[in-house]
């Protein structure tokens, strides 16, 4: 645990030195939390990000997000995502980028499991959900320069290492989603050099 805290502090300190740094809010649609979530926009993630440009072509962001499912009433996840970016043009202005991402996703909440009773009816019991998995993937997008106000549009997709069974749903077992796809917008970003 100490090494994780030390690594995080060193990463944050490196964000403060260099070319440019910025802070922004974000919202993302289409990020499924479970394999039973069907269709696009099955959940919404929102949070904050810290962005940093190391050179005129290389940058990174560290994001903390909260995601909630619209299919499972009380299921949510906290996520910390690190994203490396390679820009196709100088990043002091608006430029496209492609990059990789890695993170940790912690599920929480409750799920309702059906329990047959002795009268032939079905009762439901609440089950506490606690699960951790590690998303990895690719992200592509367009971001403005970090000096002053900036925004970002992106699309990302990937795989979550450690996806598994969460609880027995009313129709079928509910598992955490192994794959993800999302379209996001970073807004109200403010940066400095």
Foldseek 3Di string as FASTA:
>chain_A
DVVVVVVVVVVVVVQVDADKKKKWKKKKWQWAFWPVQDDTRQKMKIWMKIKHAHFQFKIKMWTWIKMDGPVFDWKIKIKIKIWIWGWPGGQQFKTKTKTKMKIKIWMWTWGWAWDQDPVRDIDTDIDTWTFMWMWIWMKIWIKGHQAAFIKIKMKIKTFIGRKAFTAAHPVGTIITDGITIIIMMIHPMHMHD
